[in-house]
Amino acid sequence: MTSSKVPALAARIERFPIAGSFTISRGAKTEAVTVVAEVSQNGLVGRGECVPYPRYGEPPEAALAAIEAMRAAVADGLTRQALQAAMPPGAARNALDCALIDFEAKAAGQRAWNLLDRPEPGMRTTAYTISLGTPEAMAAATAKASHRPLLKIKLGGDGDAERIAAVRKAAPESELIVDANESWTEANLEANLAACAAVGVTLVEQPLPAGNDEALARIKRPLAVCADESVHDRHSLAPLRARYDAVNIKLDKTGGLTEALAMADAAQALGFEIMIGCMVATSLSMAPAMLVTPQARFVDLDGPLLLARDRDHGLRYDGSLVYPPDAALWG
């Protein structure tokens, strides 16, 4: 084995087909496009995966270039702590942050949660996502998933009262959470919240557009409302206290697990409930997020379940139960 005096950084774009299609209020897609970062030295390889998101102006090629621009810094011994200032929050930093954690854990012969002094994650029930469609199409998809205890329903604005009623009829026993992906308006906000409350929805995620969600502070919310696009890292939490009851933490928004864990601590201190969420991606993206699950009321890490194929050594899913990663995958 060749000995290397300095760590090396490599990155690449990978594509994974989605089983069917994944549709939200902003559109549909048939593949997950991810960017993988790898930090290697003396036979050890640490990996991290991110999903650059067009909503945040992150094309995959730009994320790849941002990671590759850190090669010299990694060779000079870049630490995770220094990385937080060296790159802005976002998908590219997430991939590199998680690769550095994986590399550190392997070098120390520890699991990542021990390295970071966090609770060991256990198995959790993940939400399973029902894509946006007509009430009839969503009811049919829901009926096939009605055995799952937690369903996440994508809504899209006009007609959502009919959609959620059809979904509830198809899954009378499942807990339902809703994700409107910024598609509601002040004009239909209260009616849509009422329709969700009427069928027992537990939580509604990001009903109004980020930056135009002040109405949430002025109304009486009949159920919990969760910020997603409105919240990115811990510095965006405090202004949201009057508008939201929960926050969706995603590593691609926070810029990695390091900030995600700090954000979870800060969110709890402010009284927010926590959802740990994901983009549609492989188990390599889900694995670091499992370290946030001990603090989460809701776990939404179903990305690999929506793919036609996952990567090798993927997370174990038993129905809707998801288990912590094996070291062969990450951490």
C-alpha atoms as a PDB file:
ATOM      1  CA  MET A   1       0.000   0.000   0.000  1.00  0.00           C
ATOM      2  CA  THR A   2       1.337   3.404  -0.955  1.00  0.00           C
ATOM      3  CA  SER A   3       1.606   5.846   1.934  1.00  0.00           C
ATOM      4  CA  SER A   4       0.321   9.368   1.378  1.00  0.00           C
ATOM      5  CA  LYS A   5       1.545  12.268   3.488  1.00  0.00           C
ATOM      6  CA  VAL A   6      -1.503  14.413   2.761  1.00  0.00           C
ATOM      7  CA  PRO A   7      -5.216  13.628   2.316  1.00  0.00           C
ATOM      8  CA  ALA A   8      -6.616  13.744  -1.204  1.00  0.00           C
ATOM      9  CA  LEU A   9     -10.047  14.987  -2.257  1.00  0.00           C
ATOM     10  CA  ALA A  10     -12.056  13.635  -5.192  1.00  0.00           C
ATOM     11  CA  ALA A  11     -15.618  14.375  -6.266  1.00  0.00           C
ATOM     12  CA  ARG A  12     -18.044  13.212  -8.946  1.00  0.00           C
ATOM     13  CA  ILE A  13     -21.645  13.473 -10.076  1.00  0.00           C
ATOM     14  CA  GLU A  14     -23.754  10.312  -9.834  1.00  0.00           C
ATOM     15  CA  ARG A  15     -27.274   9.577 -11.082  1.00  0.00           C
ATOM     16  CA  PHE A  16     -29.837   7.153  -9.680  1.00  0.00           C
ATOM     17  CA  PRO A  17     -33.192   6.446 -11.373  1.00  0.00           C
ATOM     18  CA  ILE A  18     -36.351   7.083  -9.384  1.00  0.00           C
ATOM     19  CA  ALA A  19     -38.974   4.347  -9.314  1.00  0.00           C
ATOM     20  CA  GLY A  20     -41.567   6.052 -11.514  1.00  0.00           C
ATOM     21  CA  SER A  21     -41.469   9.793 -10.868  1.00  0.00           C
ATOM     22  CA  PHE A  22     -41.397  12.164  -7.912  1.00  0.00           C
ATOM     23  CA  THR A  23     -43.754  15.126  -8.149  1.00  0.00           C
ATOM     24  CA  ILE A  24     -44.115  18.197  -5.938  1.00  0.00           C
ATOM     25  CA  SER A  25     -45.630  21.628  -6.521  1.00  0.00           C
ATOM     26  CA  ARG A  26     -42.504  22.819  -8.364  1.00  0.00           C
ATOM     27  CA  GLY A  27     -42.388  19.956 -10.861  1.00  0.00           C
ATOM     28  CA  ALA A  28     -41.497  16.298 -11.410  1.00  0.00           C
ATOM     29  CA  LYS A  29     -38.254  14.372 -11.819  1.00  0.00           C
ATOM     30  CA  THR A  30     -37.314  10.814 -12.749  1.00  0.00           C
ATOM     31  CA  GLU A  31     -33.748  10.624 -11.403  1.00  0.00           C
ATOM     32  CA  ALA A  32     -31.792  11.702  -8.362  1.00  0.00           C
ATOM     33  CA  VAL A  33     -28.642  13.635  -9.275  1.00  0.00           C
ATOM     34  CA  THR A  34     -26.113  13.528  -6.444  1.00  0.00           C
ATOM     35  CA  VAL A  35     -22.566  14.751  -5.916  1.00  0.00           C
ATOM     36  CA  VAL A  36     -20.190  12.551  -3.914  1.00  0.00           C
ATOM     37  CA  ALA A  37     -17.063  13.812  -2.132  1.00  0.00           C
ATOM     38  CA  GLU A  38     -14.286  11.422  -1.083  1.00  0.00           C
ATOM     39  CA  VAL A  39     -11.399  12.199   1.263  1.00  0.00           C
ATOM     40  CA  SER A  40      -8.682   9.548   1.190  1.00  0.00           C
ATOM     41  CA  GLN A  41      -5.297   8.907   2.772  1.00  0.00           C
ATOM     42  CA  ASN A  42      -3.284   5.741   3.400  1.00  0.00           C
ATOM     43  CA  GLY A  43      -6.061   3.394   2.309  1.00  0.00           C
ATOM     44  CA  LEU A  44      -8.832   5.077   4.289  1.00  0.00           C
ATOM     45  CA  VAL A  45     -11.688   6.687   2.372  1.00  0.00           C
ATOM     46  CA  GLY A  46     -14.358   8.955   3.834  1.00  0.00           C
ATOM     47  CA  ARG A  47     -17.440   9.646   1.739  1.00  0.00           C
ATOM     48  CA  GLY A  48     -20.269  12.150   1.732  1.00  0.00           C
ATOM     49  CA  GLU A  49     -23.172  12.710  -0.653  1.00  0.00           C
ATOM     50  CA  CYS A  50     -25.241  15.785  -1.403  1.00  0.00           C
ATOM     51  CA  VAL A  51     -28.170  16.698  -3.633  1.00  0.00           C
ATOM     52  CA  PRO A  52     -27.748  20.171  -5.174  1.00  0.00           C
ATOM     53  CA  TYR A  53     -31.190  21.764  -5.335  1.00  0.00           C
ATOM     54  CA  PRO A  54     -32.339  24.120  -8.102  1.00  0.00           C
ATOM     55  CA  ARG A  55     -34.668  25.877  -5.625  1.00  0.00           C
ATOM     56  CA  TYR A  56     -31.527  27.248  -3.965  1.00  0.00           C
ATOM     57  CA  GLY A  57     -29.624  27.955  -7.176  1.00  0.00           C
ATOM     58  CA  GLU A  58     -27.375  24.909  -6.891  1.00  0.00           C
ATOM     59  CA  PRO A  59     -26.797  23.072 -10.201  1.00  0.00           C
ATOM     60  CA  PRO A  60     -24.816  19.831  -9.745  1.00  0.00           C
ATOM     61  CA  GLU A  61     -21.901  21.160 -11.799  1.00  0.00           C
ATOM     62  CA  ALA A  62     -21.551  24.179  -9.501  1.00  0.00           C
ATOM     63  CA  ALA A  63     -21.575  21.989  -6.399  1.00  0.00           C
ATOM     64  CA  LEU A  64     -18.966  19.718  -7.952  1.00  0.00           C
ATOM     65  CA  ALA A  65     -16.753  22.709  -8.774  1.00  0.00           C
ATOM     66  CA  ALA A  66     -17.151  24.103  -5.241  1.00  0.00           C
ATOM     67  CA  ILE A  67     -15.998  20.816  -3.735  1.00  0.00           C
ATOM     68  CA  GLU A  68     -13.084  20.456  -6.136  1.00  0.00           C
ATOM     69  CA  ALA A  69     -11.971  23.990  -5.271  1.00  0.00           C
ATOM     70  CA  MET A  70     -11.262  22.715  -1.729  1.00  0.00           C
ATOM     71  CA  ARG A  71      -8.584  20.211  -2.812  1.00  0.00           C
ATOM     72  CA  ALA A  72      -5.662  22.334  -1.689  1.00  0.00           C
ATOM     73  CA  ALA A  73      -7.314  23.115   1.633  1.00  0.00           C
ATOM     74  CA  VAL A  74      -7.994  19.415   2.270  1.00  0.00           C
ATOM     75  CA  ALA A  75      -4.388  18.568   1.399  1.00  0.00           C
ATOM     76  CA  ASP A  76      -3.303  21.218   3.905  1.00  0.00           C
ATOM     77  CA  GLY A  77      -5.296  19.473   6.651  1.00  0.00           C
ATOM     78  CA  LEU A  78      -8.670  21.256   6.517  1.00  0.00           C
ATOM     79  CA  THR A  79     -10.708  20.425   9.626  1.00  0.00           C
ATOM     80  CA  ARG A  80     -14.482  20.235   9.865  1.00  0.00           C
ATOM     81  CA  GLN A  81     -14.420  23.271  12.125  1.00  0.00           C
ATOM     82  CA  ALA A  82     -12.460  25.296   9.571  1.00  0.00           C
ATOM     83  CA  LEU A  83     -14.720  24.040   6.790  1.00  0.00           C
ATOM     84  CA  GLN A  84     -17.719  25.809   8.349  1.00  0.00           C
ATOM     85  CA  ALA A  85     -16.098  29.175   7.617  1.00  0.00           C
ATOM     86  CA  ALA A  86     -14.387  28.147   4.387  1.00  0.00           C
ATOM     87  CA  MET A  87     -17.594  27.273   2.512  1.00  0.00           C
ATOM     88  CA  PRO A  88     -21.135  28.670   2.715  1.00  0.00           C
ATOM     89  CA  PRO A  89     -24.014  26.478   3.919  1.00  0.00           C
ATOM     90  CA  GLY A  90     -25.443  24.320   1.170  1.00  0.00           C
ATOM     91  CA  ALA A  91     -25.147  21.033  -0.640  1.00  0.00           C
ATOM     92  CA  ALA A  92     -21.437  21.197  -1.547  1.00  0.00           C
ATOM     93  CA  ARG A  93     -20.342  21.795   2.041  1.00  0.00           C
ATOM     94  CA  ASN A  94     -22.622  18.976   3.168  1.00  0.00           C
ATOM     95  CA  ALA A  95     -20.860  16.404   1.001  1.00  0.00           C
ATOM     96  CA  LEU A  96     -17.415  17.478   2.185  1.00  0.00           C
ATOM     97  CA  ASP A  97     -18.429  17.800   5.851  1.00  0.00           C
ATOM     98  CA  CYS A  98     -19.861  14.281   5.869  1.00  0.00           C
ATOM     99  CA  ALA A  99     -16.819  12.906   4.020  1.00  0.00           C
ATOM    100  CA  LEU A 100     -14.519  14.439   6.638  1.00  0.00           C
ATOM    101  CA  ILE A 101     -16.585  12.946   9.476  1.00  0.00           C
ATOM    102  CA  ASP A 102     -16.543   9.523   7.815  1.00  0.00           C
ATOM    103  CA  PHE A 103     -12.784   9.789   7.305  1.00  0.00           C
ATOM    104  CA  GLU A 104     -12.199  10.889  10.920  1.00  0.00           C
ATOM    105  CA  ALA A 105     -14.315   8.031  12.238  1.00  0.00           C
ATOM    106  CA  LYS A 106     -12.437   5.460  10.171  1.00  0.00           C
ATOM    107  CA  ALA A 107      -9.064   6.914  11.180  1.00  0.00           C
ATOM    108  CA  ALA A 108     -10.054   6.806  14.861  1.00  0.00           C
ATOM    109  CA  GLY A 109     -11.621   3.354  14.648  1.00  0.00           C
ATOM    110  CA  GLN A 110     -14.875   4.754  16.047  1.00  0.00           C
ATOM    111  CA  ARG A 111     -18.447   5.095  14.934  1.00  0.00           C
ATOM    112  CA  ALA A 112     -19.358   8.641  13.968  1.00  0.00           C
ATOM    113  CA  TRP A 113     -21.744   9.158  16.893  1.00  0.00           C
ATOM    114  CA  ASN A 114     -19.001   8.243  19.357  1.00  0.00           C
ATOM    115  CA  LEU A 115     -16.547  10.520  17.572  1.00  0.00           C
ATOM    116  CA  LEU A 116     -19.031  13.421  17.798  1.00  0.00           C
ATOM    117  CA  ASP A 117     -20.164  12.554  21.346  1.00  0.00           C
ATOM    118  CA  ARG A 118     -23.791  12.149  20.292  1.00  0.00           C
ATOM    119  CA  PRO A 119     -26.351   9.479  21.288  1.00  0.00           C
ATOM    120  CA  GLU A 120     -26.215   6.280  19.287  1.00  0.00           C
ATOM    121  CA  PRO A 121     -29.157   6.310  16.853  1.00  0.00           C
ATOM    122  CA  GLY A 122     -31.637   3.467  16.932  1.00  0.00           C
ATOM    123  CA  MET A 123     -34.251   2.294  14.484  1.00  0.00           C
ATOM    124  CA  ARG A 124     -36.951   4.856  13.682  1.00  0.00           C
ATOM    125  CA  THR A 125     -40.148   5.001  11.674  1.00  0.00           C
ATOM    126  CA  THR A 126     -39.661   7.102   8.564  1.00  0.00           C
ATOM    127  CA  ALA A 127     -42.353   8.910   6.661  1.00  0.00           C
ATOM    128  CA  TYR A 128     -43.122   7.619   3.178  1.00  0.00           C
ATOM    129  CA  THR A 129     -43.875  10.238   0.531  1.00  0.00           C
ATOM    130  CA  ILE A 130     -46.957  10.348  -1.691  1.00  0.00           C
ATOM    131  CA  SER A 131     -46.308  12.526  -4.756  1.00  0.00           C
ATOM    132  CA  LEU A 132     -48.599  15.325  -5.866  1.00  0.00           C
ATOM    133  CA  GLY A 133     -51.281  14.387  -8.365  1.00  0.00           C
ATOM    134  CA  THR A 134     -55.025  14.327  -8.874  1.00  0.00           C
ATOM    135  CA  PRO A 135     -57.126  13.258  -5.878  1.00  0.00           C
ATOM    136  CA  GLU A 136     -57.772   9.943  -7.621  1.00  0.00           C
ATOM    137  CA  ALA A 137     -54.123   9.278  -8.410  1.00  0.00           C
ATOM    138  CA  MET A 138     -53.028  10.234  -4.904  1.00  0.00           C
ATOM    139  CA  ALA A 139     -55.705   8.021  -3.356  1.00  0.00           C
ATOM    140  CA  ALA A 140     -54.528   5.083  -5.464  1.00  0.00           C
ATOM    141  CA  ALA A 141     -50.888   5.631  -4.457  1.00  0.00           C
ATOM    142  CA  THR A 142     -51.909   6.044  -0.829  1.00  0.00           C
ATOM    143  CA  ALA A 143     -53.935   2.826  -0.834  1.00  0.00           C
ATOM    144  CA  LYS A 144     -50.796   0.914  -1.833  1.00  0.00           C
ATOM    145  CA  ALA A 145     -48.928   2.509   1.093  1.00  0.00           C
ATOM    146  CA  SER A 146     -51.760   2.471   3.631  1.00  0.00           C
ATOM    147  CA  HIS A 147     -49.954  -0.179   5.712  1.00  0.00           C
ATOM    148  CA  ARG A 148     -47.251   2.369   6.512  1.00  0.00           C
ATOM    149  CA  PRO A 149     -47.695   4.160   9.850  1.00  0.00           C
ATOM    150  CA  LEU A 150     -46.505   7.616   8.686  1.00  0.00           C
ATOM    151  CA  LEU A 151     -47.235   9.164   5.287  1.00  0.00           C
ATOM    152  CA  LYS A 152     -45.991  12.488   3.943  1.00  0.00           C
ATOM    153  CA  ILE A 153     -48.464  13.941   1.467  1.00  0.00           C
ATOM    154  CA  LYS A 154     -47.298  16.405  -1.182  1.00  0.00           C
ATOM    155  CA  LEU A 155     -49.900  19.094  -1.858  1.00  0.00           C
ATOM    156  CA  GLY A 156     -49.920  21.903  -4.405  1.00  0.00           C
ATOM    157  CA  GLY A 157     -52.477  24.652  -3.871  1.00  0.00           C
ATOM    158  CA  ASP A 158     -55.848  24.621  -5.628  1.00  0.00           C
ATOM    159  CA  GLY A 159     -57.775  21.416  -4.971  1.00  0.00           C
ATOM    160  CA  ASP A 160     -55.778  20.441  -1.901  1.00  0.00           C
ATOM    161  CA  ALA A 161     -58.893  19.985   0.269  1.00  0.00           C
ATOM    162  CA  GLU A 162     -60.091  17.302  -2.148  1.00  0.00           C
ATOM    163  CA  ARG A 163     -56.641  15.729  -2.321  1.00  0.00           C
ATOM    164  CA  ILE A 164     -56.173  15.376   1.441  1.00  0.00           C
ATOM    165  CA  ALA A 165     -59.734  14.075   1.922  1.00  0.00           C
ATOM    166  CA  ALA A 166     -59.120  11.403  -0.734  1.00  0.00           C
ATOM    167  CA  VAL A 167     -55.810  10.450   0.856  1.00  0.00           C
ATOM    168  CA  ARG A 168     -57.328  10.127   4.309  1.00  0.00           C
ATOM    169  CA  LYS A 169     -60.091   7.887   2.975  1.00  0.00           C
ATOM    170  CA  ALA A 170     -57.450   5.634   1.387  1.00  0.00           C
ATOM    171  CA  ALA A 171     -55.321   5.475   4.577  1.00  0.00           C
ATOM    172  CA  PRO A 172     -57.660   5.773   7.567  1.00  0.00           C
ATOM    173  CA  GLU A 173     -55.113   4.481  10.093  1.00  0.00           C
ATOM    174  CA  SER A 174     -51.875   6.195   9.014  1.00  0.00           C
ATOM    175  CA  GLU A 175     -50.520   9.341  10.644  1.00  0.00           C
ATOM    176  CA  LEU A 176     -50.456  12.042   7.967  1.00  0.00           C
ATOM    177  CA  ILE A 177     -48.104  14.967   7.567  1.00  0.00           C
ATOM    178  CA  VAL A 178     -48.434  17.368   4.652  1.00  0.00           C
ATOM    179  CA  ASP A 179     -45.833  19.236   2.593  1.00  0.00           C
ATOM    180  CA  ALA A 180     -47.179  22.091   0.486  1.00  0.00           C
ATOM    181  CA  ASN A 181     -43.727  23.172  -0.800  1.00  0.00           C
ATOM    182  CA  GLU A 182     -44.577  26.913  -0.670  1.00  0.00           C
ATOM    183  CA  SER A 183     -47.647  26.462  -2.903  1.00  0.00           C
ATOM    184  CA  TRP A 184     -50.380  28.036  -0.740  1.00  0.00           C
ATOM    185  CA  THR A 185     -51.314  31.704  -0.570  1.00  0.00           C
ATOM    186  CA  GLU A 186     -52.681  33.960   2.127  1.00  0.00           C
ATOM    187  CA  ALA A 187     -56.059  33.656   0.402  1.00  0.00           C
ATOM    188  CA  ASN A 188     -56.307  29.868   0.796  1.00  0.00           C
ATOM    189  CA  LEU A 189     -54.066  29.344   3.831  1.00  0.00           C
ATOM    190  CA  GLU A 190     -56.726  29.101   6.525  1.00  0.00           C
ATOM    191  CA  ALA A 191     -59.112  27.014   4.417  1.00  0.00           C
ATOM    192  CA  ASN A 192     -56.356  24.539   3.538  1.00  0.00           C
ATOM    193  CA  LEU A 193     -55.155  24.299   7.131  1.00  0.00           C
ATOM    194  CA  ALA A 194     -58.737  23.677   8.229  1.00  0.00           C
ATOM    195  CA  ALA A 195     -59.160  20.943   5.604  1.00  0.00           C
ATOM    196  CA  CYS A 196     -56.006  19.263   6.880  1.00  0.00           C
ATOM    197  CA  ALA A 197     -57.084  19.565  10.503  1.00  0.00           C
ATOM    198  CA  ALA A 198     -60.501  18.120   9.650  1.00  0.00           C
ATOM    199  CA  VAL A 199     -58.975  14.802   8.542  1.00  0.00           C
ATOM    200  CA  GLY A 200     -56.489  14.602  11.399  1.00  0.00           C
ATOM    201  CA  VAL A 201     -53.274  15.754   9.727  1.00  0.00           C
ATOM    202  CA  THR A 202     -50.585  16.132  12.401  1.00  0.00           C
ATOM    203  CA  LEU A 203     -48.383  18.770  10.750  1.00  0.00           C
ATOM    204  CA  VAL A 204     -48.218  20.951   7.628  1.00  0.00           C
ATOM    205  CA  GLU A 205     -44.825  21.793   6.168  1.00  0.00           C
ATOM    206  CA  GLN A 206     -43.987  25.116   4.491  1.00  0.00           C
ATOM    207  CA  PRO A 207     -47.446  26.222   3.349  1.00  0.00           C
ATOM    208  CA  LEU A 208     -46.386  29.724   2.219  1.00  0.00           C
ATOM    209  CA  PRO A 209     -43.364  30.874   0.202  1.00  0.00           C
ATOM    210  CA  ALA A 210     -40.203  31.533   2.172  1.00  0.00           C
ATOM    211  CA  GLY A 211     -39.864  35.257   2.731  1.00  0.00           C
ATOM    212  CA  ASN A 212     -43.623  35.723   2.380  1.00  0.00           C
ATOM    213  CA  ASP A 213     -44.872  33.731   5.355  1.00  0.00           C
ATOM    214  CA  GLU A 214     -45.724  36.513   7.830  1.00  0.00           C
ATOM    215  CA  ALA A 215     -49.417  35.537   7.746  1.00  0.00           C
ATOM    216  CA  LEU A 216     -48.583  32.438   9.784  1.00  0.00           C
ATOM    217  CA  ALA A 217     -47.940  34.706  12.769  1.00  0.00           C
ATOM    218  CA  ARG A 218     -51.304  36.462  12.417  1.00  0.00           C
ATOM    219  CA  ILE A 219     -53.646  33.487  12.305  1.00  0.00           C
ATOM    220  CA  LYS A 220     -54.667  30.872  14.822  1.00  0.00           C
ATOM    221  CA  ARG A 221     -52.988  27.728  13.541  1.00  0.00           C
ATOM    222  CA  PRO A 222     -55.249  24.670  14.021  1.00  0.00           C
ATOM    223  CA  LEU A 223     -52.314  22.255  13.762  1.00  0.00           C
ATOM    224  CA  ALA A 224     -48.533  22.368  13.872  1.00  0.00           C
ATOM    225  CA  VAL A 225     -46.778  24.156  11.013  1.00  0.00           C
ATOM    226  CA  CYS A 226     -43.193  23.293  10.086  1.00  0.00           C
ATOM    227  CA  ALA A 227     -40.610  25.481   8.326  1.00  0.00           C
ATOM    228  CA  ASP A 228     -38.596  23.961   5.502  1.00  0.00           C
ATOM    229  CA  GLU A 229     -37.610  26.410   2.760  1.00  0.00           C
ATOM    230  CA  SER A 230     -37.818  29.213   5.352  1.00  0.00           C
ATOM    231  CA  VAL A 231     -35.095  27.720   7.552  1.00  0.00           C
ATOM    232  CA  HIS A 232     -31.564  26.695   6.620  1.00  0.00           C
ATOM    233  CA  ASP A 233     -29.180  26.831   9.566  1.00  0.00           C
ATOM    234  CA  ARG A 234     -29.347  27.810  13.228  1.00  0.00           C
ATOM    235  CA  HIS A 235     -29.000  31.519  12.437  1.00  0.00           C
ATOM    236  CA  SER A 236     -32.378  31.513  10.676  1.00  0.00           C
ATOM    237  CA  LEU A 237     -34.285  30.029  13.619  1.00  0.00           C
ATOM    238  CA  ALA A 238     -35.066  32.913  15.970  1.00  0.00           C
ATOM    239  CA  PRO A 239     -37.120  35.069  13.545  1.00  0.00           C
ATOM    240  CA  LEU A 240     -39.440  32.109  12.864  1.00  0.00           C
ATOM    241  CA  ARG A 241     -40.674  31.525  16.413  1.00  0.00           C
ATOM    242  CA  ALA A 242     -43.989  33.340  15.920  1.00  0.00           C
ATOM    243  CA  ARG A 243     -44.713  31.650  12.584  1.00  0.00           C
ATOM    244  CA  TYR A 244     -43.727  28.011  13.017  1.00  0.00           C
ATOM    245  CA  ASP A 245     -43.988  25.217  15.559  1.00  0.00           C
ATOM    246  CA  ALA A 246     -41.374  22.911  14.029  1.00  0.00           C
ATOM    247  CA  VAL A 247     -38.387  23.021  11.694  1.00  0.00           C
ATOM    248  CA  ASN A 248     -37.236  20.603   9.016  1.00  0.00           C
ATOM    249  CA  ILE A 249     -33.484  20.094   9.276  1.00  0.00           C
ATOM    250  CA  LYS A 250     -31.864  18.874   6.058  1.00  0.00           C
ATOM    251  CA  LEU A 251     -28.130  18.419   5.755  1.00  0.00           C
ATOM    252  CA  ASP A 252     -28.164  19.808   2.218  1.00  0.00           C
ATOM    253  CA  LYS A 253     -29.530  23.083   3.644  1.00  0.00           C
ATOM    254  CA  THR A 254     -27.390  23.278   6.784  1.00  0.00           C
ATOM    255  CA  GLY A 255     -24.210  22.465   4.889  1.00  0.00           C
ATOM    256  CA  GLY A 256     -23.493  19.217   6.654  1.00  0.00           C
ATOM    257  CA  LEU A 257     -23.954  17.184   9.803  1.00  0.00           C
ATOM    258  CA  THR A 258     -21.753  19.479  11.900  1.00  0.00           C
ATOM    259  CA  GLU A 259     -24.168  22.396  11.515  1.00  0.00           C
ATOM    260  CA  ALA A 260     -27.244  20.135  11.537  1.00  0.00           C
ATOM    261  CA  LEU A 261     -26.420  18.886  15.025  1.00  0.00           C
ATOM    262  CA  ALA A 262     -25.767  22.420  16.257  1.00  0.00           C
ATOM    263  CA  MET A 263     -29.027  23.530  14.673  1.00  0.00           C
ATOM    264  CA  ALA A 264     -30.963  20.704  16.340  1.00  0.00           C
ATOM    265  CA  ASP A 265     -29.628  21.753  19.733  1.00  0.00           C
ATOM    266  CA  ALA A 266     -30.519  25.395  19.056  1.00  0.00           C
ATOM    267  CA  ALA A 267     -33.993  24.517  17.753  1.00  0.00           C
ATOM    268  CA  GLN A 268     -34.776  22.472  20.842  1.00  0.00           C
ATOM    269  CA  ALA A 269     -33.624  25.305  23.070  1.00  0.00           C
ATOM    270  CA  LEU A 270     -36.054  27.632  21.262  1.00  0.00           C
ATOM    271  CA  GLY A 271     -38.945  25.214  21.699  1.00  0.00           C
ATOM    272  CA  PHE A 272     -39.265  23.966  18.114  1.00  0.00           C
ATOM    273  CA  GLU A 273     -40.156  20.379  17.329  1.00  0.00           C
ATOM    274  CA  ILE A 274     -37.713  18.812  14.895  1.00  0.00           C
ATOM    275  CA  MET A 275     -38.163  16.956  11.649  1.00  0.00           C
ATOM    276  CA  ILE A 276     -35.086  15.443  10.083  1.00  0.00           C
ATOM    277  CA  GLY A 277     -35.653  15.447   6.343  1.00  0.00           C
ATOM    278  CA  CYS A 278     -33.927  14.613   3.094  1.00  0.00           C
ATOM    279  CA  MET A 279     -33.832  15.102  -0.626  1.00  0.00           C
ATOM    280  CA  VAL A 280     -34.420  12.123  -2.927  1.00  0.00           C
ATOM    281  CA  ALA A 281     -31.022  10.468  -2.672  1.00  0.00           C
ATOM    282  CA  THR A 282     -29.208   7.267  -1.757  1.00  0.00           C
ATOM    283  CA  SER A 283     -28.456   5.806   1.649  1.00  0.00           C
ATOM    284  CA  LEU A 284     -25.152   7.680   1.687  1.00  0.00           C
ATOM    285  CA  SER A 285     -27.156  10.905   2.147  1.00  0.00           C
ATOM    286  CA  MET A 286     -29.454   9.374   4.774  1.00  0.00           C
ATOM    287  CA  ALA A 287     -26.724   7.806   6.915  1.00  0.00           C
ATOM    288  CA  PRO A 288     -25.331  11.009   8.504  1.00  0.00           C
ATOM    289  CA  ALA A 289     -28.879  12.320   9.037  1.00  0.00           C
ATOM    290  CA  MET A 290     -29.566   9.309  11.262  1.00  0.00           C
ATOM    291  CA  LEU A 291     -27.443  11.035  13.925  1.00  0.00           C
ATOM    292  CA  VAL A 292     -30.127  13.731  14.238  1.00  0.00           C
ATOM    293  CA  THR A 293     -32.962  11.233  14.736  1.00  0.00           C
ATOM    294  CA  PRO A 294     -32.620  10.982  18.552  1.00  0.00           C
ATOM    295  CA  GLN A 295     -33.767  14.628  18.728  1.00  0.00           C
ATOM    296  CA  ALA A 296     -36.454  14.390  16.037  1.00  0.00           C
ATOM    297  CA  ARG A 297     -40.213  14.131  16.497  1.00  0.00           C
ATOM    298  CA  PHE A 298     -40.571  13.314  12.787  1.00  0.00           C
ATOM    299  CA  VAL A 299     -38.152  11.309  10.647  1.00  0.00           C
ATOM    300  CA  ASP A 300     -38.439  11.703   6.882  1.00  0.00           C
ATOM    301  CA  LEU A 301     -35.552   9.697   5.464  1.00  0.00           C
ATOM    302  CA  ASP A 302     -37.309   7.727   2.743  1.00  0.00           C
ATOM    303  CA  GLY A 303     -35.111   8.822  -0.169  1.00  0.00           C
ATOM    304  CA  PRO A 304     -33.758   5.350  -0.982  1.00  0.00           C
ATOM    305  CA  LEU A 305     -37.280   3.882  -0.875  1.00  0.00           C
ATOM    306  CA  LEU A 306     -38.194   6.132  -3.803  1.00  0.00           C
ATOM    307  CA  LEU A 307     -35.267   4.979  -5.983  1.00  0.00           C
ATOM    308  CA  ALA A 308     -35.241   2.140  -8.487  1.00  0.00           C
ATOM    309  CA  ARG A 309     -31.913   1.093  -6.923  1.00  0.00           C
ATOM    310  CA  ASP A 310     -29.809   2.180  -3.964  1.00  0.00           C
ATOM    311  CA  ARG A 311     -26.035   2.024  -3.654  1.00  0.00           C
ATOM    312  CA  ASP A 312     -24.197  -0.969  -2.132  1.00  0.00           C
ATOM    313  CA  HIS A 313     -24.306  -1.392   1.659  1.00  0.00           C
ATOM    314  CA  GLY A 314     -27.419   0.790   1.808  1.00  0.00           C
ATOM    315  CA  LEU A 315     -29.412   1.428   4.934  1.00  0.00           C
ATOM    316  CA  ARG A 316     -31.631  -1.378   6.138  1.00  0.00           C
ATOM    317  CA  TYR A 317     -35.336  -0.646   5.723  1.00  0.00           C
ATOM    318  CA  ASP A 318     -37.907  -3.013   7.206  1.00  0.00           C
ATOM    319  CA  GLY A 319     -41.176  -1.610   5.951  1.00  0.00           C
ATOM    320  CA  SER A 320     -41.084   1.938   7.298  1.00  0.00           C
ATOM    321  CA  LEU A 321     -38.454   1.191   9.940  1.00  0.00           C
ATOM    322  CA  VAL A 322     -35.001   2.547   9.079  1.00  0.00           C
ATOM    323  CA  TYR A 323     -31.880   1.375  10.899  1.00  0.00           C
ATOM    324  CA  PRO A 324     -28.540   3.112  11.583  1.00  0.00           C
ATOM    325  CA  PRO A 325     -25.823   2.686   8.939  1.00  0.00           C
ATOM    326  CA  ASP A 326     -23.244  -0.053   8.896  1.00  0.00           C
ATOM    327  CA  ALA A 327     -19.671   1.227   8.915  1.00  0.00           C
ATOM    328  CA  ALA A 328     -19.265  -0.140   5.377  1.00  0.00           C
ATOM    329  CA  LEU A 329     -21.678   2.580   4.201  1.00  0.00           C
ATOM    330  CA  TRP A 330     -20.693   5.545   6.358  1.00  0.00           C
ATOM    331  CA  GLY A 331     -19.503   6.589   9.793  1.00  0.00           C
END
